[in-house]
């Protein structure tokens, strides 16, 4: 029941398909549409950002630039139902940028250090489902990070090594708190979601897993 906007890909930019990374769009309390454009960690991906900028301009967004490296919604996740953001750092996003982004958005950012290079973005190891529930892979975080997550989610579904690392289960996405779109074959987490009345929607993202991304990375 959700409409999907599809941006055309560009030649020589194969990672452009991971559309979570180039920007962070948001709406202000008074209804203004704004977007923070990413400063990508690699030169190869920096060329993607102008194409997203052009689309946002056509949609009436105010464009905001930042001074430090940050990779958009790959490392910035909304806490469902709240006015808080989770911010990952350690591999792609400069931790110090969160003070700047917090002021720009007017939102508290809860910072999580990532310690495993296989989980280079926050969206690869944490998937908020609703206000109380999230799927996560604890080994991707420090002990302090796990404690912070437990303080804000009363129901954490722990992904195992295979589903997290090989099937990217934590890169799933819940658009409404009732459904969870996820790569096919993640039986353990899908079973836990069903117990909670959440419907998994399994899709085959196997070609994208080869480049290190799945459902959330592509939206």
C-alpha atoms as a PDB file:
ATOM      1  CA  UNK A   1       0.000   0.000   0.000  1.00  0.00           C
ATOM      2  CA  UNK A   2       2.993   2.323  -0.118  1.00  0.00           C
ATOM      3  CA  UNK A   3       3.974   4.277  -3.203  1.00  0.00           C
ATOM      4  CA  UNK A   4       7.573   3.804  -4.339  1.00  0.00           C
ATOM      5  CA  UNK A   5       9.617   6.408  -6.198  1.00  0.00           C
ATOM      6  CA  UNK A   6      12.268   4.910  -8.468  1.00  0.00           C
ATOM      7  CA  UNK A   7      15.323   6.949  -9.436  1.00  0.00           C
ATOM      8  CA  UNK A   8      17.142   5.901 -12.618  1.00  0.00           C
ATOM      9  CA  UNK A   9      20.645   4.579 -12.179  1.00  0.00           C
ATOM     10  CA  UNK A  10      23.633   6.227 -13.790  1.00  0.00           C
ATOM     11  CA  UNK A  11      26.385   4.590 -15.841  1.00  0.00           C
ATOM     12  CA  UNK A  12      29.582   3.794 -13.905  1.00  0.00           C
ATOM     13  CA  UNK A  13      27.814   4.244 -10.531  1.00  0.00           C
ATOM     14  CA  UNK A  14      26.823   0.673  -9.579  1.00  0.00           C
ATOM     15  CA  UNK A  15      26.494   1.444  -5.845  1.00  0.00           C
ATOM     16  CA  UNK A  16      23.894   4.121  -6.514  1.00  0.00           C
ATOM     17  CA  UNK A  17      21.299   1.371  -6.024  1.00  0.00           C
ATOM     18  CA  UNK A  18      22.029   1.557  -2.283  1.00  0.00           C
ATOM     19  CA  UNK A  19      19.853   4.635  -2.016  1.00  0.00           C
ATOM     20  CA  UNK A  20      19.869   4.949   1.776  1.00  0.00           C
ATOM     21  CA  UNK A  21      23.358   6.391   1.830  1.00  0.00           C
ATOM     22  CA  UNK A  22      23.354   9.612  -0.198  1.00  0.00           C
ATOM     23  CA  UNK A  23      21.002  11.702   1.918  1.00  0.00           C
ATOM     24  CA  UNK A  24      18.964  12.157   5.069  1.00  0.00           C
ATOM     25  CA  UNK A  25      15.561  13.741   4.348  1.00  0.00           C
ATOM     26  CA  UNK A  26      13.306  15.030   7.114  1.00  0.00           C
ATOM     27  CA  UNK A  27      10.301  17.263   7.705  1.00  0.00           C
ATOM     28  CA  UNK A  28      10.442  20.051  10.283  1.00  0.00           C
ATOM     29  CA  UNK A  29       7.690  20.439  12.910  1.00  0.00           C
ATOM     30  CA  UNK A  30       6.249  23.288  10.835  1.00  0.00           C
ATOM     31  CA  UNK A  31       6.051  21.088   7.734  1.00  0.00           C
ATOM     32  CA  UNK A  32       9.113  22.213   5.766  1.00  0.00           C
ATOM     33  CA  UNK A  33      10.872  19.547   3.703  1.00  0.00           C
ATOM     34  CA  UNK A  34      14.630  19.487   4.133  1.00  0.00           C
ATOM     35  CA  UNK A  35      17.409  17.090   3.194  1.00  0.00           C
ATOM     36  CA  UNK A  36      20.966  16.743   4.434  1.00  0.00           C
ATOM     37  CA  UNK A  37      23.217  15.636   1.587  1.00  0.00           C
ATOM     38  CA  UNK A  38      25.855  13.070   2.490  1.00  0.00           C
ATOM     39  CA  UNK A  39      29.591  13.481   2.343  1.00  0.00           C
ATOM     40  CA  UNK A  40      30.568   9.986   1.254  1.00  0.00           C
ATOM     41  CA  UNK A  41      33.590   8.211   2.713  1.00  0.00           C
ATOM     42  CA  UNK A  42      34.827   7.052  -0.706  1.00  0.00           C
ATOM     43  CA  UNK A  43      35.518   9.127  -3.821  1.00  0.00           C
ATOM     44  CA  UNK A  44      33.810   6.484  -5.954  1.00  0.00           C
ATOM     45  CA  UNK A  45      30.462   7.014  -4.260  1.00  0.00           C
ATOM     46  CA  UNK A  46      30.662  10.806  -3.956  1.00  0.00           C
ATOM     47  CA  UNK A  47      29.572  11.114  -7.589  1.00  0.00           C
ATOM     48  CA  UNK A  48      26.174   9.630  -6.693  1.00  0.00           C
ATOM     49  CA  UNK A  49      25.102  12.490  -4.435  1.00  0.00           C
ATOM     50  CA  UNK A  50      24.413  15.170  -7.112  1.00  0.00           C
ATOM     51  CA  UNK A  51      21.808  12.950  -8.793  1.00  0.00           C
ATOM     52  CA  UNK A  52      19.897  12.640  -5.524  1.00  0.00           C
ATOM     53  CA  UNK A  53      20.284  16.367  -4.943  1.00  0.00           C
ATOM     54  CA  UNK A  54      18.681  17.083  -8.312  1.00  0.00           C
ATOM     55  CA  UNK A  55      15.692  14.892  -7.478  1.00  0.00           C
ATOM     56  CA  UNK A  56      15.173  16.565  -4.088  1.00  0.00           C
ATOM     57  CA  UNK A  57      15.233  19.983  -5.732  1.00  0.00           C
ATOM     58  CA  UNK A  58      12.399  18.946  -8.072  1.00  0.00           C
ATOM     59  CA  UNK A  59      10.409  17.827  -5.012  1.00  0.00           C
ATOM     60  CA  UNK A  60      10.757  21.169  -3.225  1.00  0.00           C
ATOM     61  CA  UNK A  61      13.266  20.166  -0.552  1.00  0.00           C
ATOM     62  CA  UNK A  62      15.620  22.684   1.043  1.00  0.00           C
ATOM     63  CA  UNK A  63      19.147  21.394   0.491  1.00  0.00           C
ATOM     64  CA  UNK A  64      21.532  21.301   3.463  1.00  0.00           C
ATOM     65  CA  UNK A  65      25.242  20.559   3.305  1.00  0.00           C
ATOM     66  CA  UNK A  66      27.414  19.306   6.157  1.00  0.00           C
ATOM     67  CA  UNK A  67      31.105  19.741   6.921  1.00  0.00           C
ATOM     68  CA  UNK A  68      32.132  16.182   7.843  1.00  0.00           C
ATOM     69  CA  UNK A  69      31.757  12.673   6.477  1.00  0.00           C
ATOM     70  CA  UNK A  70      28.320  11.119   6.978  1.00  0.00           C
ATOM     71  CA  UNK A  71      26.474   8.532   4.923  1.00  0.00           C
ATOM     72  CA  UNK A  72      22.827   9.443   5.335  1.00  0.00           C
ATOM     73  CA  UNK A  73      20.302   6.809   6.337  1.00  0.00           C
ATOM     74  CA  UNK A  74      22.952   4.112   6.288  1.00  0.00           C
ATOM     75  CA  UNK A  75      24.065   5.349   9.707  1.00  0.00           C
ATOM     76  CA  UNK A  76      21.066   7.442  10.837  1.00  0.00           C
ATOM     77  CA  UNK A  77      17.936   5.544  11.873  1.00  0.00           C
ATOM     78  CA  UNK A  78      14.746   6.963  13.352  1.00  0.00           C
ATOM     79  CA  UNK A  79      13.478   5.473  16.593  1.00  0.00           C
ATOM     80  CA  UNK A  80       9.885   4.568  15.633  1.00  0.00           C
ATOM     81  CA  UNK A  81       7.237   6.719  17.244  1.00  0.00           C
ATOM     82  CA  UNK A  82       9.746   9.057  18.863  1.00  0.00           C
ATOM     83  CA  UNK A  83      11.724  12.180  18.210  1.00  0.00           C
ATOM     84  CA  UNK A  84      15.090  10.470  18.480  1.00  0.00           C
ATOM     85  CA  UNK A  85      17.690   9.213  16.036  1.00  0.00           C
ATOM     86  CA  UNK A  86      20.178   6.387  16.295  1.00  0.00           C
ATOM     87  CA  UNK A  87      23.578   7.281  14.839  1.00  0.00           C
ATOM     88  CA  UNK A  88      26.244   4.742  13.947  1.00  0.00           C
ATOM     89  CA  UNK A  89      29.929   5.598  13.634  1.00  0.00           C
ATOM     90  CA  UNK A  90      33.294   3.924  13.311  1.00  0.00           C
ATOM     91  CA  UNK A  91      33.676   3.044   9.632  1.00  0.00           C
ATOM     92  CA  UNK A  92      31.834   5.407   7.267  1.00  0.00           C
ATOM     93  CA  UNK A  93      30.473   8.274   9.367  1.00  0.00           C
ATOM     94  CA  UNK A  94      32.547  10.710  11.422  1.00  0.00           C
ATOM     95  CA  UNK A  95      31.179  10.713  14.969  1.00  0.00           C
ATOM     96  CA  UNK A  96      31.732  14.445  15.381  1.00  0.00           C
ATOM     97  CA  UNK A  97      29.195  15.204  12.628  1.00  0.00           C
ATOM     98  CA  UNK A  98      26.333  14.206  14.892  1.00  0.00           C
ATOM     99  CA  UNK A  99      26.505  17.438  16.897  1.00  0.00           C
ATOM    100  CA  UNK A 100      26.028  19.339  13.650  1.00  0.00           C
ATOM    101  CA  UNK A 101      23.196  17.113  12.432  1.00  0.00           C
ATOM    102  CA  UNK A 102      21.454  17.181  15.804  1.00  0.00           C
ATOM    103  CA  UNK A 103      21.292  20.988  15.652  1.00  0.00           C
ATOM    104  CA  UNK A 104      20.126  20.972  12.033  1.00  0.00           C
ATOM    105  CA  UNK A 105      17.315  18.478  12.637  1.00  0.00           C
ATOM    106  CA  UNK A 106      16.503  19.497  16.210  1.00  0.00           C
ATOM    107  CA  UNK A 107      16.650  15.878  17.356  1.00  0.00           C
ATOM    108  CA  UNK A 108      18.652  14.000  19.980  1.00  0.00           C
ATOM    109  CA  UNK A 109      21.032  11.482  18.394  1.00  0.00           C
ATOM    110  CA  UNK A 110      21.856   8.313  20.328  1.00  0.00           C
ATOM    111  CA  UNK A 111      25.357   7.335  19.198  1.00  0.00           C
ATOM    112  CA  UNK A 112      26.418   3.725  18.648  1.00  0.00           C
ATOM    113  CA  UNK A 113      29.994   2.697  17.901  1.00  0.00           C
ATOM    114  CA  UNK A 114      30.347  -0.054  15.285  1.00  0.00           C
ATOM    115  CA  UNK A 115      33.271  -2.421  15.897  1.00  0.00           C
ATOM    116  CA  UNK A 116      33.027  -5.109  13.176  1.00  0.00           C
ATOM    117  CA  UNK A 117      33.967  -4.037   9.621  1.00  0.00           C
ATOM    118  CA  UNK A 118      31.410  -6.443   8.133  1.00  0.00           C
ATOM    119  CA  UNK A 119      28.781  -4.209   9.745  1.00  0.00           C
ATOM    120  CA  UNK A 120      30.078  -0.928   8.357  1.00  0.00           C
ATOM    121  CA  UNK A 121      26.745   0.942   8.535  1.00  0.00           C
ATOM    122  CA  UNK A 122      24.253   0.965  11.384  1.00  0.00           C
ATOM    123  CA  UNK A 123      21.526  -0.318   9.061  1.00  0.00           C
ATOM    124  CA  UNK A 124      23.464  -3.574   8.611  1.00  0.00           C
ATOM    125  CA  UNK A 125      23.227  -4.515  12.294  1.00  0.00           C
ATOM    126  CA  UNK A 126      20.113  -2.736  13.655  1.00  0.00           C
ATOM    127  CA  UNK A 127      16.576  -2.724  12.297  1.00  0.00           C
ATOM    128  CA  UNK A 128      13.971  -0.879  14.390  1.00  0.00           C
ATOM    129  CA  UNK A 129      10.576  -2.550  13.919  1.00  0.00           C
ATOM    130  CA  UNK A 130       8.379  -0.449  16.173  1.00  0.00           C
ATOM    131  CA  UNK A 131       8.701   1.713  19.264  1.00  0.00           C
ATOM    132  CA  UNK A 132       9.588  -1.226  21.526  1.00  0.00           C
ATOM    133  CA  UNK A 133      11.003  -3.886  19.184  1.00  0.00           C
ATOM    134  CA  UNK A 134      14.136  -4.090  17.031  1.00  0.00           C
ATOM    135  CA  UNK A 135      16.245  -6.740  15.330  1.00  0.00           C
ATOM    136  CA  UNK A 136      19.971  -6.451  16.071  1.00  0.00           C
ATOM    137  CA  UNK A 137      23.301  -8.270  16.006  1.00  0.00           C
ATOM    138  CA  UNK A 138      24.964  -7.587  19.378  1.00  0.00           C
ATOM    139  CA  UNK A 139      28.503  -8.539  18.299  1.00  0.00           C
ATOM    140  CA  UNK A 140      28.552  -5.558  15.945  1.00  0.00           C
ATOM    141  CA  UNK A 141      28.341  -3.189  18.928  1.00  0.00           C
ATOM    142  CA  UNK A 142      30.363  -2.389  22.019  1.00  0.00           C
ATOM    143  CA  UNK A 143      29.029  -3.395  25.429  1.00  0.00           C
ATOM    144  CA  UNK A 144      28.061   0.240  25.988  1.00  0.00           C
ATOM    145  CA  UNK A 145      26.120   0.269  22.712  1.00  0.00           C
ATOM    146  CA  UNK A 146      24.230  -2.912  23.574  1.00  0.00           C
ATOM    147  CA  UNK A 147      23.316  -1.418  26.937  1.00  0.00           C
ATOM    148  CA  UNK A 148      22.012   1.743  25.271  1.00  0.00           C
ATOM    149  CA  UNK A 149      19.853  -0.301  22.892  1.00  0.00           C
ATOM    150  CA  UNK A 150      18.432  -2.345  25.763  1.00  0.00           C
ATOM    151  CA  UNK A 151      17.530   0.868  27.577  1.00  0.00           C
ATOM    152  CA  UNK A 152      15.443   2.090  24.633  1.00  0.00           C
ATOM    153  CA  UNK A 153      13.998  -1.130  23.183  1.00  0.00           C
ATOM    154  CA  UNK A 154      12.232  -3.406  25.644  1.00  0.00           C
ATOM    155  CA  UNK A 155      12.024  -6.194  23.064  1.00  0.00           C
ATOM    156  CA  UNK A 156      15.267  -6.872  21.183  1.00  0.00           C
ATOM    157  CA  UNK A 157      15.371  -9.795  18.759  1.00  0.00           C
ATOM    158  CA  UNK A 158      18.928 -11.091  18.593  1.00  0.00           C
ATOM    159  CA  UNK A 159      20.077 -12.284  15.165  1.00  0.00           C
ATOM    160  CA  UNK A 160      22.541 -15.164  15.017  1.00  0.00           C
ATOM    161  CA  UNK A 161      25.865 -15.173  13.170  1.00  0.00           C
ATOM    162  CA  UNK A 162      24.602 -16.746   9.956  1.00  0.00           C
ATOM    163  CA  UNK A 163      21.447 -14.680   9.526  1.00  0.00           C
ATOM    164  CA  UNK A 164      23.210 -11.433  10.430  1.00  0.00           C
ATOM    165  CA  UNK A 165      26.450 -11.877   8.528  1.00  0.00           C
ATOM    166  CA  UNK A 166      25.395 -13.982   5.541  1.00  0.00           C
ATOM    167  CA  UNK A 167      21.711 -13.122   5.032  1.00  0.00           C
ATOM    168  CA  UNK A 168      21.691  -9.490   6.225  1.00  0.00           C
ATOM    169  CA  UNK A 169      18.596  -9.981   8.381  1.00  0.00           C
ATOM    170  CA  UNK A 170      19.329  -6.736  10.260  1.00  0.00           C
ATOM    171  CA  UNK A 171      19.143  -4.870   6.959  1.00  0.00           C
ATOM    172  CA  UNK A 172      15.417  -5.492   6.821  1.00  0.00           C
ATOM    173  CA  UNK A 173      12.877  -2.687   7.035  1.00  0.00           C
ATOM    174  CA  UNK A 174       9.541  -2.178   8.733  1.00  0.00           C
ATOM    175  CA  UNK A 175       7.576   0.620   7.014  1.00  0.00           C
ATOM    176  CA  UNK A 176       4.640   0.513   9.420  1.00  0.00           C
ATOM    177  CA  UNK A 177       5.515  -1.491  12.549  1.00  0.00           C
ATOM    178  CA  UNK A 178       3.356  -4.378  11.319  1.00  0.00           C
ATOM    179  CA  UNK A 179       5.416  -5.775   8.435  1.00  0.00           C
ATOM    180  CA  UNK A 180       9.122  -6.524   8.049  1.00  0.00           C
ATOM    181  CA  UNK A 181      10.606  -6.640   4.545  1.00  0.00           C
ATOM    182  CA  UNK A 182      13.696  -8.854   4.620  1.00  0.00           C
ATOM    183  CA  UNK A 183      15.961 -11.028   2.496  1.00  0.00           C
ATOM    184  CA  UNK A 184      14.584 -14.513   2.039  1.00  0.00           C
ATOM    185  CA  UNK A 185      15.672 -17.441   4.213  1.00  0.00           C
ATOM    186  CA  UNK A 186      16.003 -15.765   7.619  1.00  0.00           C
ATOM    187  CA  UNK A 187      13.870 -18.371   9.359  1.00  0.00           C
ATOM    188  CA  UNK A 188      14.879 -17.720  12.971  1.00  0.00           C
ATOM    189  CA  UNK A 189      14.210 -13.974  13.037  1.00  0.00           C
ATOM    190  CA  UNK A 190      11.084 -14.360  10.899  1.00  0.00           C
ATOM    191  CA  UNK A 191       9.755 -16.894  13.409  1.00  0.00           C
ATOM    192  CA  UNK A 192      10.371 -14.450  16.274  1.00  0.00           C
ATOM    193  CA  UNK A 193       8.620 -11.669  14.367  1.00  0.00           C
ATOM    194  CA  UNK A 194       5.570 -13.850  13.717  1.00  0.00           C
ATOM    195  CA  UNK A 195       5.321 -14.600  17.446  1.00  0.00           C
ATOM    196  CA  UNK A 196       4.944 -10.857  17.952  1.00  0.00           C
ATOM    197  CA  UNK A 197       2.246 -10.480  15.306  1.00  0.00           C
ATOM    198  CA  UNK A 198       4.626  -8.902  12.783  1.00  0.00           C
ATOM    199  CA  UNK A 199       4.392 -10.218   9.212  1.00  0.00           C
ATOM    200  CA  UNK A 200       7.679 -10.900   7.410  1.00  0.00           C
ATOM    201  CA  UNK A 201       7.745 -10.122   3.684  1.00  0.00           C
ATOM    202  CA  UNK A 202      10.619 -12.088   2.185  1.00  0.00           C
ATOM    203  CA  UNK A 203      12.297 -10.838  -0.998  1.00  0.00           C
ATOM    204  CA  UNK A 204      15.327 -12.126  -2.873  1.00  0.00           C
ATOM    205  CA  UNK A 205      18.169  -9.610  -2.689  1.00  0.00           C
ATOM    206  CA  UNK A 206      20.938 -12.143  -3.322  1.00  0.00           C
ATOM    207  CA  UNK A 207      22.584 -10.103  -6.121  1.00  0.00           C
ATOM    208  CA  UNK A 208      22.813  -7.091  -3.830  1.00  0.00           C
ATOM    209  CA  UNK A 209      24.240  -9.096  -0.929  1.00  0.00           C
ATOM    210  CA  UNK A 210      27.356  -9.586  -3.069  1.00  0.00           C
ATOM    211  CA  UNK A 211      28.061  -5.856  -2.690  1.00  0.00           C
ATOM    212  CA  UNK A 212      27.175  -5.758   0.996  1.00  0.00           C
ATOM    213  CA  UNK A 213      23.611  -4.476   0.998  1.00  0.00           C
ATOM    214  CA  UNK A 214      20.020  -5.650   1.162  1.00  0.00           C
ATOM    215  CA  UNK A 215      16.524  -4.243   1.716  1.00  0.00           C
ATOM    216  CA  UNK A 216      17.177  -1.198   3.887  1.00  0.00           C
ATOM    217  CA  UNK A 217      20.261  -0.163   1.915  1.00  0.00           C
ATOM    218  CA  UNK A 218      18.166   0.070  -1.220  1.00  0.00           C
ATOM    219  CA  UNK A 219      15.443   2.362   0.075  1.00  0.00           C
END
